[in-house]
Amino acid sequence: MNVYRQIKTAPISADEQARRQYAIDFARGSVRMEGFVLDAQTEALFADYVAGKLDSSALDTAILEYCGVATA
């Protein structure tokens, strides 16, 4: 069950959304320079982060969960 998707967060400003989009675009470019392409699930998580549905902590948790890494 994807618990992180049920967490409600406050709306974010357009400036914050732009900052998040820039950060995600930078990360995506970095990954591509290493020869990898992000899958659809990861892209969906990033889209939720940019839209304000996830904060950075929830994004980290969701990525680790998706990768099968246990969190403490």
N, C-alpha and C. Protein backbone atom coordinates (compact mmCIF):
# COMPACT_ATOMS: atom_id res chain seq x y z
N MET A 1 0.84 -1.18 0.00
CA MET A 1 0.00 0.00 0.00
C MET A 1 0.88 1.24 0.00
N ASN A 2 0.54 2.20 -0.79
CA ASN A 2 1.31 3.43 -0.90
C ASN A 2 0.78 4.47 0.07
N VAL A 3 1.26 4.41 1.30
CA VAL A 3 0.79 5.31 2.35
C VAL A 3 1.15 6.75 2.04
N TYR A 4 2.32 7.00 1.46
CA TYR A 4 2.77 8.36 1.20
C TYR A 4 1.81 9.13 0.30
N ARG A 5 1.08 8.46 -0.54
CA ARG A 5 0.15 9.15 -1.44
C ARG A 5 -1.12 9.60 -0.71
N GLN A 6 -1.33 9.13 0.50
CA GLN A 6 -2.52 9.50 1.25
C GLN A 6 -2.28 10.72 2.14
N ILE A 7 -1.04 11.15 2.26
CA ILE A 7 -0.71 12.28 3.11
C ILE A 7 -1.07 13.57 2.40
N LYS A 8 -1.85 14.41 3.06
CA LYS A 8 -2.24 15.69 2.49
C LYS A 8 -1.21 16.74 2.87
N THR A 9 -0.77 17.53 1.91
CA THR A 9 0.17 18.60 2.18
C THR A 9 -0.44 19.91 1.74
N ALA A 10 0.04 20.99 2.33
CA ALA A 10 -0.45 22.32 1.97
C ALA A 10 -0.02 22.66 0.55
N PRO A 11 -0.84 23.44 -0.16
CA PRO A 11 -0.46 23.84 -1.52
C PRO A 11 0.87 24.62 -1.49
N ILE A 12 1.64 24.49 -2.54
CA ILE A 12 2.91 25.20 -2.62
C ILE A 12 2.79 26.36 -3.60
N SER A 13 3.66 27.34 -3.44
CA SER A 13 3.64 28.52 -4.32
C SER A 13 4.19 28.16 -5.69
N ALA A 14 3.93 29.03 -6.64
CA ALA A 14 4.47 28.84 -7.99
C ALA A 14 5.99 28.88 -7.97
N ASP A 15 6.57 29.74 -7.11
CA ASP A 15 8.02 29.81 -7.00
C ASP A 15 8.60 28.50 -6.47
N GLU A 16 7.95 27.94 -5.45
CA GLU A 16 8.42 26.67 -4.89
C GLU A 16 8.27 25.56 -5.92
N GLN A 17 7.18 25.57 -6.65
CA GLN A 17 6.98 24.56 -7.69
C GLN A 17 8.07 24.67 -8.76
N ALA A 18 8.42 25.89 -9.14
CA ALA A 18 9.47 26.09 -10.14
C ALA A 18 10.83 25.63 -9.59
N ARG A 19 11.10 25.90 -8.31
CA ARG A 19 12.35 25.47 -7.70
C ARG A 19 12.45 23.94 -7.70
N ARG A 20 11.33 23.30 -7.36
CA ARG A 20 11.29 21.84 -7.35
C ARG A 20 11.48 21.27 -8.76
N GLN A 21 10.84 21.89 -9.74
CA GLN A 21 10.98 21.42 -11.12
C GLN A 21 12.42 21.54 -11.59
N TYR A 22 13.07 22.64 -11.25
CA TYR A 22 14.47 22.83 -11.61
C TYR A 22 15.33 21.73 -10.98
N ALA A 23 15.10 21.46 -9.71
CA ALA A 23 15.88 20.43 -9.01
C ALA A 23 15.68 19.05 -9.64
N ILE A 24 14.44 18.73 -9.98
CA ILE A 24 14.16 17.43 -10.60
C ILE A 24 14.78 17.36 -11.99
N ASP A 25 14.68 18.42 -12.76
CA ASP A 25 15.29 18.44 -14.10
C ASP A 25 16.80 18.27 -14.01
N PHE A 26 17.41 18.92 -13.01
CA PHE A 26 18.86 18.80 -12.82
C PHE A 26 19.22 17.36 -12.48
N ALA A 27 18.46 16.76 -11.57
CA ALA A 27 18.73 15.37 -11.17
C ALA A 27 18.54 14.42 -12.35
N ARG A 28 17.48 14.65 -13.12
CA ARG A 28 17.23 13.80 -14.30
C ARG A 28 18.38 13.90 -15.29
N GLY A 29 18.87 15.11 -15.52
CA GLY A 29 20.00 15.31 -16.42
C GLY A 29 21.26 14.62 -15.92
N SER A 30 21.49 14.69 -14.62
CA SER A 30 22.64 14.03 -14.02
C SER A 30 22.58 12.52 -14.22
N VAL A 31 21.40 11.96 -14.01
CA VAL A 31 21.20 10.52 -14.19
C VAL A 31 21.42 10.14 -15.65
N ARG A 32 20.92 10.96 -16.56
CA ARG A 32 21.09 10.66 -17.99
C ARG A 32 22.54 10.73 -18.42
N MET A 33 23.30 11.66 -17.81
CA MET A 33 24.73 11.75 -18.14
C MET A 33 25.46 10.49 -17.72
N GLU A 34 24.94 9.79 -16.73
CA GLU A 34 25.53 8.53 -16.28
C GLU A 34 25.05 7.35 -17.13
N GLY A 35 24.13 7.61 -18.08
CA GLY A 35 23.68 6.58 -18.99
C GLY A 35 22.39 5.88 -18.59
N PHE A 36 21.68 6.46 -17.63
CA PHE A 36 20.44 5.84 -17.16
C PHE A 36 19.24 6.70 -17.53
N VAL A 37 18.07 6.07 -17.58
CA VAL A 37 16.81 6.77 -17.80
C VAL A 37 15.87 6.37 -16.67
N LEU A 38 15.20 7.36 -16.09
CA LEU A 38 14.28 7.09 -15.00
C LEU A 38 13.04 6.36 -15.52
N ASP A 39 12.53 5.43 -14.72
CA ASP A 39 11.33 4.69 -15.13
C ASP A 39 10.07 5.50 -14.82
N ALA A 40 8.94 5.00 -15.27
CA ALA A 40 7.66 5.72 -15.14
C ALA A 40 7.27 5.92 -13.67
N GLN A 41 7.52 4.94 -12.83
CA GLN A 41 7.16 5.07 -11.41
C GLN A 41 7.96 6.19 -10.74
N THR A 42 9.23 6.26 -11.02
CA THR A 42 10.07 7.31 -10.45
C THR A 42 9.65 8.67 -10.98
N GLU A 43 9.37 8.75 -12.27
CA GLU A 43 8.89 10.01 -12.86
C GLU A 43 7.57 10.45 -12.21
N ALA A 44 6.70 9.48 -11.91
CA ALA A 44 5.42 9.81 -11.25
C ALA A 44 5.66 10.35 -9.85
N LEU A 45 6.60 9.77 -9.12
CA LEU A 45 6.94 10.28 -7.79
C LEU A 45 7.48 11.70 -7.89
N PHE A 46 8.35 11.94 -8.86
CA PHE A 46 8.90 13.28 -9.04
C PHE A 46 7.80 14.28 -9.41
N ALA A 47 6.86 13.87 -10.25
CA ALA A 47 5.75 14.75 -10.62
C ALA A 47 4.91 15.11 -9.39
N ASP A 48 4.68 14.13 -8.51
CA ASP A 48 3.94 14.40 -7.27
C ASP A 48 4.70 15.38 -6.39
N TYR A 49 6.02 15.28 -6.36
CA TYR A 49 6.84 16.21 -5.58
C TYR A 49 6.74 17.62 -6.14
N VAL A 50 6.87 17.76 -7.45
CA VAL A 50 6.78 19.07 -8.09
C VAL A 50 5.40 19.68 -7.88
N ALA A 51 4.36 18.86 -7.93
CA ALA A 51 2.99 19.35 -7.76
C ALA A 51 2.66 19.69 -6.31
N GLY A 52 3.53 19.30 -5.38
CA GLY A 52 3.28 19.61 -3.98
C GLY A 52 2.55 18.51 -3.23
N LYS A 53 2.34 17.37 -3.87
CA LYS A 53 1.66 16.26 -3.20
C LYS A 53 2.58 15.55 -2.22
N LEU A 54 3.89 15.69 -2.41
CA LEU A 54 4.90 15.11 -1.52
C LEU A 54 5.88 16.19 -1.11
N ASP A 55 6.32 16.16 0.14
CA ASP A 55 7.43 17.03 0.52
C ASP A 55 8.72 16.23 0.31
N SER A 56 9.86 16.84 0.56
CA SER A 56 11.12 16.16 0.25
C SER A 56 11.33 14.91 1.10
N SER A 57 10.88 14.95 2.34
CA SER A 57 11.00 13.78 3.21
C SER A 57 10.14 12.63 2.69
N ALA A 58 8.92 12.93 2.29
CA ALA A 58 8.01 11.90 1.76
C ALA A 58 8.54 11.36 0.44
N LEU A 59 9.14 12.22 -0.37
CA LEU A 59 9.73 11.76 -1.63
C LEU A 59 10.88 10.80 -1.36
N ASP A 60 11.76 11.17 -0.42
CA ASP A 60 12.87 10.28 -0.06
C ASP A 60 12.36 8.92 0.39
N THR A 61 11.36 8.92 1.26
CA THR A 61 10.79 7.68 1.78
C THR A 61 10.18 6.85 0.65
N ALA A 62 9.44 7.51 -0.24
CA ALA A 62 8.80 6.81 -1.35
C ALA A 62 9.81 6.19 -2.30
N ILE A 63 10.89 6.91 -2.59
CA ILE A 63 11.94 6.39 -3.47
C ILE A 63 12.62 5.19 -2.84
N LEU A 64 12.95 5.32 -1.55
CA LEU A 64 13.60 4.20 -0.86
C LEU A 64 12.67 2.98 -0.79
N GLU A 65 11.39 3.22 -0.54
CA GLU A 65 10.41 2.14 -0.51
C GLU A 65 10.32 1.46 -1.88
N TYR A 66 10.27 2.25 -2.92
CA TYR A 66 10.18 1.74 -4.28
C TYR A 66 11.42 0.89 -4.62
N CYS A 67 12.58 1.31 -4.13
CA CYS A 67 13.83 0.59 -4.40
C CYS A 67 14.03 -0.59 -3.48
N GLY A 68 13.12 -0.76 -2.51
CA GLY A 68 13.23 -1.89 -1.60
C GLY A 68 14.24 -1.70 -0.50
N VAL A 69 14.54 -0.44 -0.20
CA VAL A 69 15.50 -0.14 0.86
C VAL A 69 14.72 0.15 2.14
N ALA A 70 15.02 -0.56 3.21
CA ALA A 70 14.33 -0.36 4.49
C ALA A 70 14.78 0.95 5.09
N THR A 71 13.83 1.68 5.66
CA THR A 71 14.14 2.93 6.36
C THR A 71 14.04 2.71 7.84
N ALA A 72 14.84 3.43 8.58
CA ALA A 72 14.84 3.28 10.05
C ALA A 72 13.82 4.17 10.69
